[in-house]
PDB file of N, CA and C in Angstrom:
ATOM      1  N   MET A   1      50.299 128.939 103.238  1.00  0.00           N
ATOM      2  CA  MET A   1      49.612 128.497 101.982  1.00  0.00           C
ATOM      3  C   MET A   1      48.660 129.184 101.038  1.00  0.00           C
ATOM      4  N   TYR A   2      49.177 129.328  99.759  1.00  0.00           N
ATOM      5  CA  TYR A   2      48.133 130.194  99.085  1.00  0.00           C
ATOM      6  C   TYR A   2      47.163 129.444  98.618  1.00  0.00           C
ATOM      7  N   ASN A   3      45.870 130.122  98.425  1.00  0.00           N
ATOM      8  CA  ASN A   3      45.009 129.553  97.722  1.00  0.00           C
ATOM      9  C   ASN A   3      44.881 129.572  96.165  1.00  0.00           C
ATOM     10  N   ASP A   4      45.688 128.687  95.567  1.00  0.00           N
ATOM     11  CA  ASP A   4      45.908 128.863  94.057  1.00  0.00           C
ATOM     12  C   ASP A   4      44.862 127.974  93.628  1.00  0.00           C
ATOM     13  N   SER A   5      44.940 127.996  92.472  1.00  0.00           N
ATOM     14  CA  SER A   5      43.987 127.104  91.526  1.00  0.00           C
ATOM     15  C   SER A   5      45.016 125.907  90.992  1.00  0.00           C
ATOM     16  N   ILE A   6      44.254 124.698  90.678  1.00  0.00           N
ATOM     17  CA  ILE A   6      44.742 123.549  90.612  1.00  0.00           C
ATOM     18  C   ILE A   6      45.699 123.862  89.229  1.00  0.00           C
ATOM     19  N   GLU A   7      45.328 124.522  88.107  1.00  0.00           N
ATOM     20  CA  GLU A   7      46.121 125.036  86.967  1.00  0.00           C
ATOM     21  C   GLU A   7      47.507 125.644  87.441  1.00  0.00           C
ATOM     22  N   THR A   8      47.457 126.774  88.326  1.00  0.00           N
ATOM     23  CA  THR A   8      48.565 127.280  88.869  1.00  0.00           C
ATOM     24  C   THR A   8      49.513 126.388  89.456  1.00  0.00           C
ATOM     25  N   LEU A   9      49.173 125.528  90.497  1.00  0.00           N
ATOM     26  CA  LEU A   9      49.855 124.573  91.052  1.00  0.00           C
ATOM     27  C   LEU A   9      50.770 123.701  90.136  1.00  0.00           C
ATOM     28  N   LEU A  10      49.986 123.153  89.128  1.00  0.00           N
ATOM     29  CA  LEU A  10      50.370 122.268  87.917  1.00  0.00           C
ATOM     30  C   LEU A  10      51.381 122.943  87.233  1.00  0.00           C
ATOM     31  N   LEU A  11      51.179 124.216  87.028  1.00  0.00           N
ATOM     32  CA  LEU A  11      52.225 125.029  86.106  1.00  0.00           C
ATOM     33  C   LEU A  11      53.460 125.232  86.932  1.00  0.00           C
ATOM     34  N   ARG A  12      53.320 125.593  88.360  1.00  0.00           N
ATOM     35  CA  ARG A  12      54.341 125.769  89.211  1.00  0.00           C
ATOM     36  C   ARG A  12      55.263 124.672  89.435  1.00  0.00           C
ATOM     37  N   HIS A  13      54.546 123.460  89.260  1.00  0.00           N
ATOM     38  CA  HIS A  13      55.394 122.234  89.758  1.00  0.00           C
ATOM     39  C   HIS A  13      55.790 121.804  88.204  1.00  0.00           C
ATOM     40  N   TYR A  14      55.118 121.566  87.336  1.00  0.00           N
ATOM     41  CA  TYR A  14      55.819 120.988  86.046  1.00  0.00           C
ATOM     42  C   TYR A  14      56.181 121.750  85.070  1.00  0.00           C
ATOM     43  N   GLY A  15      55.535 123.125  84.989  1.00  0.00           N
ATOM     44  CA  GLY A  15      56.283 124.103  84.057  1.00  0.00           C
ATOM     45  C   GLY A  15      55.173 123.966  82.981  1.00  0.00           C
ATOM     46  N   THR A  16      55.573 124.895  81.930  1.00  0.00           N
ATOM     47  CA  THR A  16      54.717 125.114  80.706  1.00  0.00           C
ATOM     48  C   THR A  16      54.771 123.815  79.708  1.00  0.00           C
ATOM     49  N   THR A  17      55.872 123.276  79.792  1.00  0.00           N
ATOM     50  CA  THR A  17      56.307 122.289  78.441  1.00  0.00           C
ATOM     51  C   THR A  17      55.907 120.707  79.056  1.00  0.00           C
ATOM     52  N   ALA A  18      55.286 120.719  80.390  1.00  0.00           N
ATOM     53  CA  ALA A  18      54.929 119.255  80.826  1.00  0.00           C
ATOM     54  C   ALA A  18      53.589 118.790  80.257  1.00  0.00           C
ATOM     55  N   PRO A  19      53.447 117.615  80.029  1.00  0.00           N
ATOM     56  CA  PRO A  19      52.100 117.262  79.624  1.00  0.00           C
ATOM     57  C   PRO A  19      51.326 116.762  80.704  1.00  0.00           C
ATOM     58  N   LEU A  20      49.947 117.302  80.107  1.00  0.00           N
ATOM     59  CA  LEU A  20      48.879 117.340  81.306  1.00  0.00           C
ATOM     60  C   LEU A  20      48.589 115.894  81.798  1.00  0.00           C
ATOM     61  N   PRO A  21      48.624 115.344  83.010  1.00  0.00           N
ATOM     62  CA  PRO A  21      48.442 113.919  83.373  1.00  0.00           C
ATOM     63  C   PRO A  21      47.013 113.429  82.616  1.00  0.00           C
ATOM     64  N   SER A  22      47.058 112.208  82.076  1.00  0.00           N
ATOM     65  CA  SER A  22      45.843 111.802  81.443  1.00  0.00           C
ATOM     66  C   SER A  22      44.916 111.639  82.481  1.00  0.00           C
ATOM     67  N   GLY A  23      43.599 111.937  82.262  1.00  0.00           N
ATOM     68  CA  GLY A  23      42.591 111.718  82.842  1.00  0.00           C
ATOM     69  C   GLY A  23      42.210 112.468  84.349  1.00  0.00           C
ATOM     70  N   LEU A  24      43.152 113.931  84.313  1.00  0.00           N
ATOM     71  CA  LEU A  24      43.214 114.541  85.554  1.00  0.00           C
ATOM     72  C   LEU A  24      41.817 114.915  85.841  1.00  0.00           C
ATOM     73  N   GLU A  25      41.030 115.599  84.872  1.00  0.00           N
ATOM     74  CA  GLU A  25      39.990 116.118  85.129  1.00  0.00           C
ATOM     75  C   GLU A  25      38.799 115.167  85.662  1.00  0.00           C
ATOM     76  N   GLN A  26      38.508 113.998  85.327  1.00  0.00           N
ATOM     77  CA  GLN A  26      37.780 112.804  85.642  1.00  0.00           C
ATOM     78  C   GLN A  26      38.210 112.577  86.937  1.00  0.00           C
ATOM     79  N   GLN A  27      39.407 112.473  87.093  1.00  0.00           N
ATOM     80  CA  GLN A  27      39.937 111.934  88.685  1.00  0.00           C
ATOM     81  C   GLN A  27      39.466 113.291  89.866  1.00  0.00           C
ATOM     82  N   ILE A  28      39.579 114.436  89.526  1.00  0.00           N
ATOM     83  CA  ILE A  28      39.450 115.450  90.276  1.00  0.00           C
ATOM     84  C   ILE A  28      37.944 115.459  90.309  1.00  0.00           C
ATOM     85  N   VAL A  29      36.945 115.352  89.249  1.00  0.00           N
ATOM     86  CA  VAL A  29      35.273 115.198  89.322  1.00  0.00           C
ATOM     87  C   VAL A  29      34.960 114.107  90.329  1.00  0.00           C
ATOM     88  N   ALA A  30      35.824 112.984  90.171  1.00  0.00           N
ATOM     89  CA  ALA A  30      35.199 111.816  91.145  1.00  0.00           C
ATOM     90  C   ALA A  30      35.746 112.280  92.401  1.00  0.00           C
ATOM     91  N   SER A  31      36.729 112.814  92.634  1.00  0.00           N
ATOM     92  CA  SER A  31      37.125 112.808  94.065  1.00  0.00           C
ATOM     93  C   SER A  31      36.106 113.983  94.763  1.00  0.00           C
ATOM     94  N   VAL A  32      35.648 114.865  94.052  1.00  0.00           N
ATOM     95  CA  VAL A  32      35.075 115.765  94.675  1.00  0.00           C
ATOM     96  C   VAL A  32      33.420 115.428  94.920  1.00  0.00           C
ATOM     97  N   ARG A  33      33.113 114.380  94.028  1.00  0.00           N
ATOM     98  CA  ARG A  33      31.592 113.890  94.089  1.00  0.00           C
ATOM     99  C   ARG A  33      31.891 112.997  95.317  1.00  0.00           C
ATOM    100  N   HIS A  34      32.893 112.012  95.294  1.00  0.00           N
ATOM    101  CA  HIS A  34      33.199 111.162  96.622  1.00  0.00           C
ATOM    102  C   HIS A  34      33.219 112.197  98.043  1.00  0.00           C
ATOM    103  N   GLU A  35      33.797 113.071  97.880  1.00  0.00           N
ATOM    104  CA  GLU A  35      33.958 113.865  99.116  1.00  0.00           C
ATOM    105  C   GLU A  35      32.529 114.320  99.619  1.00  0.00           C
ATOM    106  N   ALA A  36      31.729 114.903  98.565  1.00  0.00           N
ATOM    107  CA  ALA A  36      30.341 115.402  98.514  1.00  0.00           C
ATOM    108  C   ALA A  36      29.552 114.306  99.352  1.00  0.00           C
ATOM    109  N   ALA A  37      29.701 112.917  98.870  1.00  0.00           N
ATOM    110  CA  ALA A  37      28.835 111.813  99.264  1.00  0.00           C
ATOM    111  C   ALA A  37      29.263 111.505 100.612  1.00  0.00           C
ATOM    112  N   GLN A  38      30.428 111.438 100.840  1.00  0.00           N
ATOM    113  CA  GLN A  38      30.866 111.395 102.324  1.00  0.00           C
ATOM    114  C   GLN A  38      30.420 112.385 103.305  1.00  0.00           C
ATOM    115  N   MET A  39      30.370 113.665 102.927  1.00  0.00           N
ATOM    116  CA  MET A  39      29.960 114.735 103.789  1.00  0.00           C
ATOM    117  C   MET A  39      28.159 114.594 104.093  1.00  0.00           C
ATOM    118  N   ARG A  40      27.701 114.214 103.164  1.00  0.00           N
ATOM    119  CA  ARG A  40      25.950 113.947 103.164  1.00  0.00           C
ATOM    120  C   ARG A  40      26.082 112.875 104.075  1.00  0.00           C
ATOM    121  N   ALA A  41      26.551 111.738 104.014  1.00  0.00           N
ATOM    122  CA  ALA A  41      26.430 110.516 104.677  1.00  0.00           C
ATOM    123  C   ALA A  41      26.921 110.873 106.380  1.00  0.00           C
ATOM    124  N   GLN A  42      27.810 111.790 106.488  1.00  0.00           N
ATOM    125  CA  GLN A  42      28.113 112.216 107.719  1.00  0.00           C
ATOM    126  C   GLN A  42      27.137 113.006 108.403  1.00  0.00           C
ATOM    127  N   GLU A  43      26.833 113.996 107.343  1.00  0.00           N
ATOM    128  CA  GLU A  43      25.468 114.887 108.041  1.00  0.00           C
ATOM    129  C   GLU A  43      24.415 114.147 108.471  1.00  0.00           C
ATOM    130  N   HIS A  44      23.735 113.227 107.555  1.00  0.00           N
ATOM    131  CA  HIS A  44      22.774 112.119 107.804  1.00  0.00           C
ATOM    132  C   HIS A  44      22.830 111.380 109.250  1.00  0.00           C
ATOM    133  N   ILE A  45      23.978 111.016 109.313  1.00  0.00           N
ATOM    134  CA  ILE A  45      24.259 110.196 110.821  1.00  0.00           C
ATOM    135  C   ILE A  45      24.310 111.409 111.725  1.00  0.00           C
ATOM    136  N   ALA A  46      24.670 112.356 111.571  1.00  0.00           N
ATOM    137  CA  ALA A  46      24.680 113.384 112.709  1.00  0.00           C
ATOM    138  C   ALA A  46      23.078 113.916 113.053  1.00  0.00           C
ATOM    139  N   THR A  47      22.689 114.020 111.979  1.00  0.00           N
ATOM    140  CA  THR A  47      21.032 114.167 112.110  1.00  0.00           C
ATOM    141  C   THR A  47      20.147 113.298 112.892  1.00  0.00           C
ATOM    142  N   ARG A  48      20.593 111.898 112.610  1.00  0.00           N
ATOM    143  CA  ARG A  48      19.933 110.852 113.033  1.00  0.00           C
ATOM    144  C   ARG A  48      20.207 110.625 114.478  1.00  0.00           C
ATOM    145  N   ILE A  49      21.572 110.783 114.891  1.00  0.00           N
ATOM    146  CA  ILE A  49      21.866 110.946 116.283  1.00  0.00           C
ATOM    147  C   ILE A  49      21.534 111.870 117.176  1.00  0.00           C
ATOM    148  N   ARG A  50      21.298 113.008 116.616  1.00  0.00           N
ATOM    149  CA  ARG A  50      20.686 114.171 117.026  1.00  0.00           C
ATOM    150  C   ARG A  50      19.242 114.221 117.525  1.00  0.00           C
ATOM    151  N   GLU A  51      18.427 113.404 116.450  1.00  0.00           N
ATOM    152  CA  GLU A  51      17.127 113.244 116.516  1.00  0.00           C
ATOM    153  C   GLU A  51      16.645 112.166 117.491  1.00  0.00           C
ATOM    154  N   ARG A  52      17.517 111.188 117.759  1.00  0.00           N
ATOM    155  CA  ARG A  52      17.231 109.769 118.423  1.00  0.00           C
ATOM    156  C   ARG A  52      16.846 110.126 119.861  1.00  0.00           C
ATOM    157  N   ARG A  53      15.648 109.584 120.173  1.00  0.00           N
ATOM    158  CA  ARG A  53      15.516 109.536 121.545  1.00  0.00           C
ATOM    159  C   ARG A  53      16.131 108.615 122.438  1.00  0.00           C
ATOM    160  N   ILE A  54      16.738 108.791 123.642  1.00  0.00           N
ATOM    161  CA  ILE A  54      17.340 107.874 124.310  1.00  0.00           C
ATOM    162  C   ILE A  54      16.365 107.955 125.577  1.00  0.00           C
ATOM    163  N   SER A  55      16.038 106.641 126.208  1.00  0.00           N
ATOM    164  CA  SER A  55      15.400 106.347 127.392  1.00  0.00           C
ATOM    165  C   SER A  55      16.133 106.517 128.654  1.00  0.00           C
ATOM    166  N   ARG A  56      15.809 107.067 129.722  1.00  0.00           N
ATOM    167  CA  ARG A  56      16.004 107.041 131.209  1.00  0.00           C
ATOM    168  C   ARG A  56      16.608 105.821 131.570  1.00  0.00           C
ATOM    169  N   ARG A  57      16.415 104.689 131.315  1.00  0.00           N
ATOM    170  CA  ARG A  57      16.833 103.434 131.675  1.00  0.00           C
ATOM    171  C   ARG A  57      18.206 103.573 131.068  1.00  0.00           C
ATOM    172  N   ARG A  58      18.392 103.553 129.527  1.00  0.00           N
ATOM    173  CA  ARG A  58      19.509 103.486 128.954  1.00  0.00           C
ATOM    174  C   ARG A  58      20.739 104.500 129.448  1.00  0.00           C
ATOM    175  N   VAL A  59      20.158 105.691 129.750  1.00  0.00           N
ATOM    176  CA  VAL A  59      20.941 106.786 130.220  1.00  0.00           C
ATOM    177  C   VAL A  59      21.431 106.317 131.633  1.00  0.00           C
ATOM    178  N   ILE A  60      20.786 105.921 132.593  1.00  0.00           N
ATOM    179  CA  ILE A  60      21.539 105.197 134.048  1.00  0.00           C
ATOM    180  C   ILE A  60      22.527 104.170 133.508  1.00  0.00           C
ATOM    181  N   ARG A  61      21.881 103.234 132.648  1.00  0.00           N
ATOM    182  CA  ARG A  61      22.689 102.109 132.249  1.00  0.00           C
ATOM    183  C   ARG A  61      24.254 102.747 131.795  1.00  0.00           C
ATOM    184  N   LEU A  62      24.148 103.771 131.042  1.00  0.00           N
ATOM    185  CA  LEU A  62      25.715 104.239 130.341  1.00  0.00           C
ATOM    186  C   LEU A  62      26.136 105.017 131.697  1.00  0.00           C
ATOM    187  N   VAL A  63      25.420 105.628 132.336  1.00  0.00           N
ATOM    188  CA  VAL A  63      26.310 106.164 133.605  1.00  0.00           C
ATOM    189  C   VAL A  63      26.925 105.476 134.552  1.00  0.00           C
ATOM    190  N   ALA A  64      26.265 104.055 134.640  1.00  0.00           N
ATOM    191  CA  ALA A  64      26.723 102.908 135.617  1.00  0.00           C
ATOM    192  C   ALA A  64      27.864 102.533 135.035  1.00  0.00           C
ATOM    193  N   ILE A  65      27.843 102.276 133.593  1.00  0.00           N
ATOM    194  CA  ILE A  65      28.975 101.602 133.184  1.00  0.00           C
ATOM    195  C   ILE A  65      30.226 102.294 133.133  1.00  0.00           C
ATOM    196  N   GLY A  66      29.803 103.771 132.804  1.00  0.00           N
ATOM    197  CA  GLY A  66      30.969 104.583 132.655  1.00  0.00           C
ATOM    198  C   GLY A  66      31.684 104.606 134.368  1.00  0.00           C
ATOM    199  N   SER A  67      30.797 104.888 135.393  1.00  0.00           N
ATOM    200  CA  SER A  67      31.414 104.717 136.631  1.00  0.00           C
ATOM    201  C   SER A  67      31.979 103.655 137.086  1.00  0.00           C
ATOM    202  N   ALA A  68      31.553 102.489 136.561  1.00  0.00           N
ATOM    203  CA  ALA A  68      32.020 101.146 136.925  1.00  0.00           C
ATOM    204  C   ALA A  68      33.724 101.176 136.246  1.00  0.00           C
ATOM    205  N   GLY A  69      33.644 101.665 134.878  1.00  0.00           N
ATOM    206  CA  GLY A  69      34.927 101.741 134.234  1.00  0.00           C
ATOM    207  C   GLY A  69      35.946 102.603 134.880  1.00  0.00           C
ATOM    208  N   LEU A  70      35.445 103.852 135.764  1.00  0.00           N
ATOM    209  CA  LEU A  70      36.347 104.613 136.276  1.00  0.00           C
ATOM    210  C   LEU A  70      36.838 104.051 137.743  1.00  0.00           C
ATOM    211  N   GLY A  71      35.990 103.159 138.255  1.00  0.00           N
ATOM    212  CA  GLY A  71      36.402 102.377 139.448  1.00  0.00           C
ATOM    213  C   GLY A  71      37.374 101.670 139.140  1.00  0.00           C
ATOM    214  N   LEU A  72      37.532 100.838 137.980  1.00  0.00           N
ATOM    215  CA  LEU A  72      38.311  99.675 137.711  1.00  0.00           C
ATOM    216  C   LEU A  72      39.668 100.456 137.096  1.00  0.00           C
ATOM    217  N   LEU A  73      39.504 101.642 136.862  1.00  0.00           N
ATOM    218  CA  LEU A  73      40.768 102.311 136.325  1.00  0.00           C
ATOM    219  C   LEU A  73      41.581 102.751 137.379  1.00  0.00           C
ATOM    220  N   SER A  74      40.643 103.174 138.660  1.00  0.00           N
ATOM    221  CA  SER A  74      41.153 103.588 139.774  1.00  0.00           C
ATOM    222  C   SER A  74      41.982 102.322 140.621  1.00  0.00           C
ATOM    223  N   VAL A  75      41.339 101.403 140.749  1.00  0.00           N
ATOM    224  CA  VAL A  75      41.883  99.995 141.210  1.00  0.00           C
ATOM    225  C   VAL A  75      43.075  99.573 140.400  1.00  0.00           C
ATOM    226  N   GLY A  76      42.920  99.585 139.280  1.00  0.00           N
ATOM    227  CA  GLY A  76      44.479  99.632 138.205  1.00  0.00           C
ATOM    228  C   GLY A  76      45.428 100.437 138.630  1.00  0.00           C
ATOM    229  N   VAL A  77      45.077 101.637 138.701  1.00  0.00           N
ATOM    230  CA  VAL A  77      46.415 102.642 139.113  1.00  0.00           C
ATOM    231  C   VAL A  77      46.792 102.361 140.632  1.00  0.00           C
ATOM    232  N   GLU A  78      45.954 102.036 141.483  1.00  0.00           N
ATOM    233  CA  GLU A  78      46.396 101.839 143.005  1.00  0.00           C
ATOM    234  C   GLU A  78      47.270 100.515 142.749  1.00  0.00           C
ATOM    235  N   SER A  79      47.008  99.576 141.969  1.00  0.00           N
ATOM    236  CA  SER A  79      47.640  98.299 142.064  1.00  0.00           C
ATOM    237  C   SER A  79      49.155  98.449 141.530  1.00  0.00           C
ATOM    238  N   LEU A  80      48.985  99.263 140.286  1.00  0.00           N
ATOM    239  CA  LEU A  80      50.316  99.698 139.604  1.00  0.00           C
ATOM    240  C   LEU A  80      51.180 100.551 140.446  1.00  0.00           C
ATOM    241  N   GLN A  81      50.672 101.345 141.386  1.00  0.00           N
ATOM    242  CA  GLN A  81      51.393 101.899 142.376  1.00  0.00           C
ATOM    243  C   GLN A  81      52.072 101.190 143.291  1.00  0.00           C
ATOM    244  N   THR A  82      51.317  99.935 143.849  1.00  0.00           N
ATOM    245  CA  THR A  82      51.795  99.038 144.905  1.00  0.00           C
ATOM    246  C   THR A  82      52.930  98.345 144.131  1.00  0.00           C
ATOM    247  N   LEU A  83      52.786  97.777 143.160  1.00  0.00           N
ATOM    248  CA  LEU A  83      53.746  97.046 142.391  1.00  0.00           C
ATOM    249  C   LEU A  83      55.070  97.868 142.121  1.00  0.00           C
ATOM    250  N   LEU A  84      54.960  99.140 141.998  1.00  0.00           N
ATOM    251  CA  LEU A  84      56.151 100.114 141.426  1.00  0.00           C
ATOM    252  C   LEU A  84      56.885 100.289 142.946  1.00  0.00           C
ATOM    253  N   GLY A  85      56.312 100.204 144.196  1.00  0.00           N
ATOM    254  CA  GLY A  85      56.509 100.359 145.496  1.00  0.00           C
ATOM    255  C   GLY A  85      56.339 102.041 145.730  1.00  0.00           C
ATOM    256  N   GLN A  86      55.339 102.535 145.160  1.00  0.00           N
ATOM    257  CA  GLN A  86      55.120 104.018 145.634  1.00  0.00           C
ATOM    258  C   GLN A  86      53.922 103.518 146.584  1.00  0.00           C
ATOM    259  N   GLU A  87      53.744 104.548 147.648  1.00  0.00           N
ATOM    260  CA  GLU A  87      52.991 104.347 148.476  1.00  0.00           C
ATOM    261  C   GLU A  87      51.952 105.733 148.294  1.00  0.00           C
ATOM    262  N   ASN A  88      50.765 105.338 148.947  1.00  0.00           N
ATOM    263  CA  ASN A  88      49.499 106.369 148.920  1.00  0.00           C
ATOM    264  C   ASN A  88      49.863 107.288 150.043  1.00  0.00           C
ATOM    265  N   ARG A  89      50.443 108.439 150.122  1.00  0.00           N
ATOM    266  CA  ARG A  89      50.497 109.254 151.260  1.00  0.00           C
ATOM    267  C   ARG A  89      49.544 110.503 151.084  1.00  0.00           C
ATOM    268  N   PRO A  90      49.159 110.859 151.935  1.00  0.00           N
ATOM    269  CA  PRO A  90      48.587 112.133 151.914  1.00  0.00           C
ATOM    270  C   PRO A  90      49.358 113.439 151.498  1.00  0.00           C
ATOM    271  N   ALA A  91      48.878 114.521 150.650  1.00  0.00           N
ATOM    272  CA  ALA A  91      49.709 115.388 150.209  1.00  0.00           C
ATOM    273  C   ALA A  91      49.955 116.521 151.499  1.00  0.00           C
ATOM    274  N   TYR A  92      49.255 116.425 152.353  1.00  0.00           N
ATOM    275  CA  TYR A  92      49.790 117.294 153.550  1.00  0.00           C
ATOM    276  C   TYR A  92      50.649 116.903 154.130  1.00  0.00           C
ATOM    277  N   SER A  93      51.364 115.729 154.276  1.00  0.00           N
ATOM    278  CA  SER A  93      52.217 114.999 155.348  1.00  0.00           C
ATOM    279  C   SER A  93      53.762 115.548 154.827  1.00  0.00           C
TER     280      SER A  93
END
């Protein structure tokens, strides 16, 4: 894809005789301002998350929840295997 300007793309698509869409410049300006505002908001959120302190108690809680979730997933996979008739056999047999 080439890095063409909006004018070049419009000329290529519509030709030189086509009328310019009404309010095109205002729509482009509004779109650019909206994207800039979204980027500023995302940067603000990222900065806030990076600078936010987290307690050891919260870290331990998150690790415990994560490991419990993995345990439940493991139990679910084992029960699914038994329902499908697959046995858990060691790889070396």
